[in-house]
N, C-alpha and C. Protein backbone atom coordinates (compact mmCIF):
# COMPACT_ATOMS: atom_id res chain seq x y z
N MET A 1 -12.86 -12.96 12.54
CA MET A 1 -12.05 -12.46 13.90
C MET A 1 -11.86 -10.73 14.16
N TYR A 2 -12.29 -10.59 14.94
CA TYR A 2 -12.26 -9.04 15.12
C TYR A 2 -11.35 -8.66 16.21
N LEU A 3 -10.22 -7.58 15.83
CA LEU A 3 -9.42 -7.21 16.80
C LEU A 3 -9.45 -5.85 17.22
N PRO A 4 -9.28 -5.33 18.28
CA PRO A 4 -9.31 -3.94 18.72
C PRO A 4 -9.37 -3.03 17.71
N LYS A 5 -9.88 -1.85 17.80
CA LYS A 5 -9.74 -0.77 16.92
C LYS A 5 -8.73 -0.07 16.94
N GLU A 6 -8.25 -0.42 17.87
CA GLU A 6 -6.70 0.52 17.96
C GLU A 6 -5.35 -0.12 17.05
N TYR A 7 -5.69 -1.51 16.19
CA TYR A 7 -4.77 -1.82 15.52
C TYR A 7 -5.01 -1.49 14.18
N PRO A 8 -4.04 -1.34 13.49
CA PRO A 8 -4.03 -0.29 12.01
C PRO A 8 -4.74 -1.18 11.20
N PHE A 9 -5.71 -0.83 10.65
CA PHE A 9 -6.52 -1.81 9.63
C PHE A 9 -6.59 -0.51 8.40
N ILE A 10 -6.38 -1.77 6.90
CA ILE A 10 -6.44 -1.09 5.86
C ILE A 10 -6.50 -2.24 4.84
N ARG A 11 -7.36 -1.39 4.12
CA ARG A 11 -7.77 -2.46 2.90
C ARG A 11 -7.57 -1.53 1.59
N VAL A 12 -6.24 -2.37 0.54
CA VAL A 12 -6.34 -1.75 -0.41
C VAL A 12 -6.75 -2.17 -1.69
N TYR A 13 -7.50 -1.35 -2.58
CA TYR A 13 -8.40 -2.27 -3.60
C TYR A 13 -8.11 -1.58 -4.99
N ALA A 14 -6.88 -2.56 -5.27
CA ALA A 14 -6.37 -1.94 -6.51
C ALA A 14 -6.85 -1.88 -7.54
N GLN A 15 -6.65 -1.47 -8.78
CA GLN A 15 -7.14 -1.43 -10.37
C GLN A 15 -7.49 -2.44 -10.86
N GLN A 16 -8.57 -2.85 -11.09
CA GLN A 16 -8.71 -3.86 -12.01
C GLN A 16 -8.52 -3.44 -13.61
N LYS A 17 -8.56 -2.09 -13.88
CA LYS A 17 -8.25 -1.88 -15.18
C LYS A 17 -8.30 -0.56 -15.46
N PRO A 18 -7.34 0.10 -16.45
CA PRO A 18 -6.88 1.48 -16.46
C PRO A 18 -8.08 2.12 -16.02
N ARG A 19 -7.55 3.69 -15.64
CA ARG A 19 -8.61 4.76 -15.34
C ARG A 19 -9.36 4.49 -14.14
N GLN A 20 -9.21 3.39 -13.57
CA GLN A 20 -10.00 3.35 -12.45
C GLN A 20 -9.18 3.69 -10.97
N PRO A 21 -10.27 3.81 -10.13
CA PRO A 21 -9.45 4.64 -8.93
C PRO A 21 -8.93 3.79 -7.88
N VAL A 22 -8.10 3.65 -6.93
CA VAL A 22 -7.55 2.79 -6.01
C VAL A 22 -8.34 3.51 -5.06
N ILE A 23 -8.76 2.80 -4.16
CA ILE A 23 -9.39 2.71 -3.01
C ILE A 23 -8.59 2.43 -1.97
N ILE A 24 -8.31 3.24 -1.16
CA ILE A 24 -7.72 3.23 0.45
C ILE A 24 -8.82 3.01 1.59
N LYS A 25 -9.48 2.03 2.23
CA LYS A 25 -10.47 2.08 3.27
C LYS A 25 -9.19 1.72 4.74
N ALA A 26 -9.05 2.25 5.46
CA ALA A 26 -8.31 2.34 6.72
C ALA A 26 -9.21 3.46 8.17
N ASN A 27 -8.75 2.37 8.93
CA ASN A 27 -9.07 3.46 10.22
C ASN A 27 -7.95 4.81 10.75
N THR A 28 -8.07 5.18 11.44
CA THR A 28 -7.35 6.22 11.90
C THR A 28 -5.74 5.72 12.04
N GLU A 29 -5.30 4.75 12.75
CA GLU A 29 -4.34 4.06 13.24
C GLU A 29 -3.64 3.57 11.66
N GLY A 30 -4.42 2.94 11.10
CA GLY A 30 -4.00 2.35 9.53
C GLY A 30 -3.24 3.73 8.79
N LEU A 31 -4.21 4.68 8.60
CA LEU A 31 -3.70 5.70 7.80
C LEU A 31 -2.38 6.54 8.61
N CYS A 32 -2.18 6.48 10.03
CA CYS A 32 -1.27 7.15 10.54
C CYS A 32 0.18 6.07 10.19
N VAL A 33 0.40 4.58 10.07
CA VAL A 33 1.12 3.58 9.68
C VAL A 33 1.31 4.34 8.53
N LEU A 34 0.39 4.13 7.55
CA LEU A 34 0.84 4.61 6.14
C LEU A 34 1.14 5.78 5.92
N LEU A 35 1.27 6.81 6.36
CA LEU A 35 1.65 8.05 6.64
C LEU A 35 2.96 8.17 6.99
N ASN A 36 3.45 6.76 7.81
CA ASN A 36 4.97 6.64 8.22
C ASN A 36 5.49 6.52 7.37
N ALA A 37 5.03 5.45 6.72
CA ALA A 37 5.66 4.51 5.87
C ALA A 37 5.89 5.45 4.42
N LEU A 38 5.06 5.99 4.31
CA LEU A 38 5.10 7.32 3.24
C LEU A 38 6.38 8.37 3.47
N ILE A 39 6.32 8.71 4.99
CA ILE A 39 7.50 9.78 5.31
C ILE A 39 8.88 9.28 5.09
N SER A 40 8.72 7.73 5.82
CA SER A 40 10.27 7.21 5.93
C SER A 40 10.77 7.07 4.15
N ALA A 41 9.90 6.47 3.17
CA ALA A 41 10.50 6.46 1.83
C ALA A 41 11.11 7.93 1.51
N ILE A 42 9.90 8.54 1.89
CA ILE A 42 10.58 10.26 1.15
C ILE A 42 11.98 10.57 1.66
N ALA A 43 12.23 10.37 3.00
CA ALA A 43 13.23 10.86 3.81
C ALA A 43 14.43 9.74 3.49
N GLN A 44 14.44 8.56 3.23
CA GLN A 44 15.43 7.49 2.76
C GLN A 44 15.03 6.89 1.78
N PRO A 45 15.33 7.48 0.31
CA PRO A 45 14.91 6.95 -0.73
C PRO A 45 15.35 5.70 -1.20
N GLU A 46 16.60 5.05 -0.46
CA GLU A 46 17.50 4.21 -0.86
C GLU A 46 16.75 2.94 -0.45
N CYS A 47 15.86 3.37 0.89
CA CYS A 47 15.28 2.18 1.69
C CYS A 47 13.71 2.40 1.35
N ASN A 48 12.99 1.19 1.62
CA ASN A 48 11.60 1.20 1.10
C ASN A 48 10.69 1.57 2.59
N GLY A 49 9.54 2.53 2.59
CA GLY A 49 9.23 2.73 3.25
C GLY A 49 8.04 1.56 3.82
N ILE A 50 7.72 1.23 4.93
CA ILE A 50 6.68 -0.48 5.22
C ILE A 50 5.76 -0.05 6.06
N ALA A 51 4.69 -0.29 5.96
CA ALA A 51 3.41 -0.33 6.72
C ALA A 51 2.94 -1.61 7.27
N GLU A 52 3.10 -2.20 8.24
CA GLU A 52 2.62 -3.31 9.05
C GLU A 52 1.31 -3.24 9.27
N VAL A 53 0.38 -3.69 8.57
CA VAL A 53 -1.09 -3.41 8.77
C VAL A 53 -1.75 -5.14 8.81
N PHE A 54 -3.02 -4.43 9.15
CA PHE A 54 -4.37 -5.77 9.11
C PHE A 54 -5.61 -5.42 8.34
N ASP A 55 -5.41 -6.66 7.32
CA ASP A 55 -6.73 -6.69 6.24
C ASP A 55 -8.47 -6.64 7.05
N GLY A 56 -8.82 -6.96 6.42
CA GLY A 56 -10.38 -7.19 7.02
C GLY A 56 -10.78 -8.65 7.58
N ASP A 57 -9.70 -9.60 7.43
CA ASP A 57 -9.65 -10.78 8.11
C ASP A 57 -8.67 -11.30 9.05
N ALA A 58 -8.50 -9.81 9.53
CA ALA A 58 -7.43 -9.59 10.72
C ALA A 58 -6.24 -10.50 10.39
N GLU A 59 -5.70 -10.89 9.08
CA GLU A 59 -4.81 -10.88 8.67
C GLU A 59 -3.40 -9.69 8.84
N VAL A 60 -2.20 -10.17 9.12
CA VAL A 60 -1.39 -9.11 8.73
C VAL A 60 -0.64 -9.48 7.51
N TYR A 61 -0.22 -7.94 6.81
CA TYR A 61 0.37 -7.80 5.88
C TYR A 61 1.26 -6.55 5.54
N GLU A 62 2.24 -6.64 4.62
CA GLU A 62 2.83 -5.02 4.74
C GLU A 62 2.50 -4.63 3.36
N VAL A 63 2.04 -3.18 2.96
CA VAL A 63 2.24 -2.00 2.20
C VAL A 63 3.66 -1.42 2.04
N VAL A 64 4.01 -1.87 1.05
CA VAL A 64 5.68 -1.30 0.64
C VAL A 64 5.78 -0.46 -0.08
N VAL A 65 6.26 0.97 0.23
CA VAL A 65 6.23 2.15 -0.46
C VAL A 65 7.65 2.42 -1.43
N LYS A 66 7.58 2.44 -2.35
CA LYS A 66 8.89 2.74 -3.27
C LYS A 66 9.21 4.10 -3.66
N VAL A 67 10.78 4.50 -3.21
CA VAL A 67 10.39 5.87 -4.22
C VAL A 67 11.35 5.23 -5.97
N VAL A 68 10.82 5.71 -6.83
CA VAL A 68 11.13 5.59 -8.35
C VAL A 68 11.51 6.87 -9.12
N ASN A 69 12.57 6.62 -9.78
CA ASN A 69 13.03 7.85 -10.52
C ASN A 69 12.40 8.22 -12.09
N THR A 70 11.96 6.91 -12.55
CA THR A 70 11.68 6.96 -13.94
C THR A 70 10.32 5.96 -14.43
N HIS A 71 10.31 6.53 -15.09
CA HIS A 71 8.56 5.92 -15.74
C HIS A 71 8.36 4.50 -15.73
N ASP A 72 9.93 3.96 -16.26
CA ASP A 72 10.46 2.44 -16.16
C ASP A 72 10.38 1.71 -15.43
N GLU A 73 10.71 2.15 -14.11
CA GLU A 73 10.58 1.70 -12.79
C GLU A 73 9.02 1.50 -12.15
N LEU A 74 8.00 2.05 -12.54
CA LEU A 74 6.68 1.51 -12.36
C LEU A 74 5.81 0.49 -13.03
N PHE A 75 6.73 -0.08 -13.97
CA PHE A 75 6.00 -1.26 -14.26
C PHE A 75 6.63 -2.81 -13.76
N PRO A 76 6.26 -3.73 -13.85
CA PRO A 76 4.74 -4.17 -14.60
C PRO A 76 3.63 -3.49 -13.83
N VAL A 77 2.60 -3.25 -14.75
CA VAL A 77 1.39 -2.79 -13.91
C VAL A 77 0.79 -4.03 -13.68
N PRO A 78 0.29 -4.22 -12.36
CA PRO A 78 -0.41 -5.74 -12.05
C PRO A 78 -1.35 -6.12 -13.17
N TYR A 79 -2.29 -5.07 -13.67
CA TYR A 79 -3.58 -5.34 -14.36
C TYR A 79 -3.46 -5.83 -16.11
N GLN A 80 -2.15 -5.38 -16.26
CA GLN A 80 -1.64 -5.39 -17.54
C GLN A 80 -1.49 -7.19 -18.00
N ILE A 81 -1.91 -7.43 -19.03
CA ILE A 81 -2.00 -8.98 -19.40
C ILE A 81 -0.64 -8.78 -20.34
N PRO A 82 -0.02 -9.71 -19.71
CA PRO A 82 1.91 -9.80 -20.82
C PRO A 82 1.45 -10.08 -22.41
N LYS A 83 2.14 -9.47 -23.15
CA LYS A 83 1.91 -9.50 -24.65
C LYS A 83 2.86 -10.81 -24.78
N SER A 84 2.36 -11.61 -25.84
CA SER A 84 3.00 -12.93 -26.22
C SER A 84 3.59 -13.02 -27.34
């Protein structure tokens, strides 16, 4: 399914292992929505910045931007295997 190009499209390719880059592919509208979410998170750190966007399958999803103050708040990292 194809949506009109004025819809915000973003695809975030997460790391699969340490030291890999995170890749964001987006149209201009998608980058603007993401930028607004970043600005919202900075302006109101007690709230999350949220970008509602579409992926390559024309499915809507949210990108959530959270402000954290400590390294501990960054965990868990999605690609880490929990220690048994």
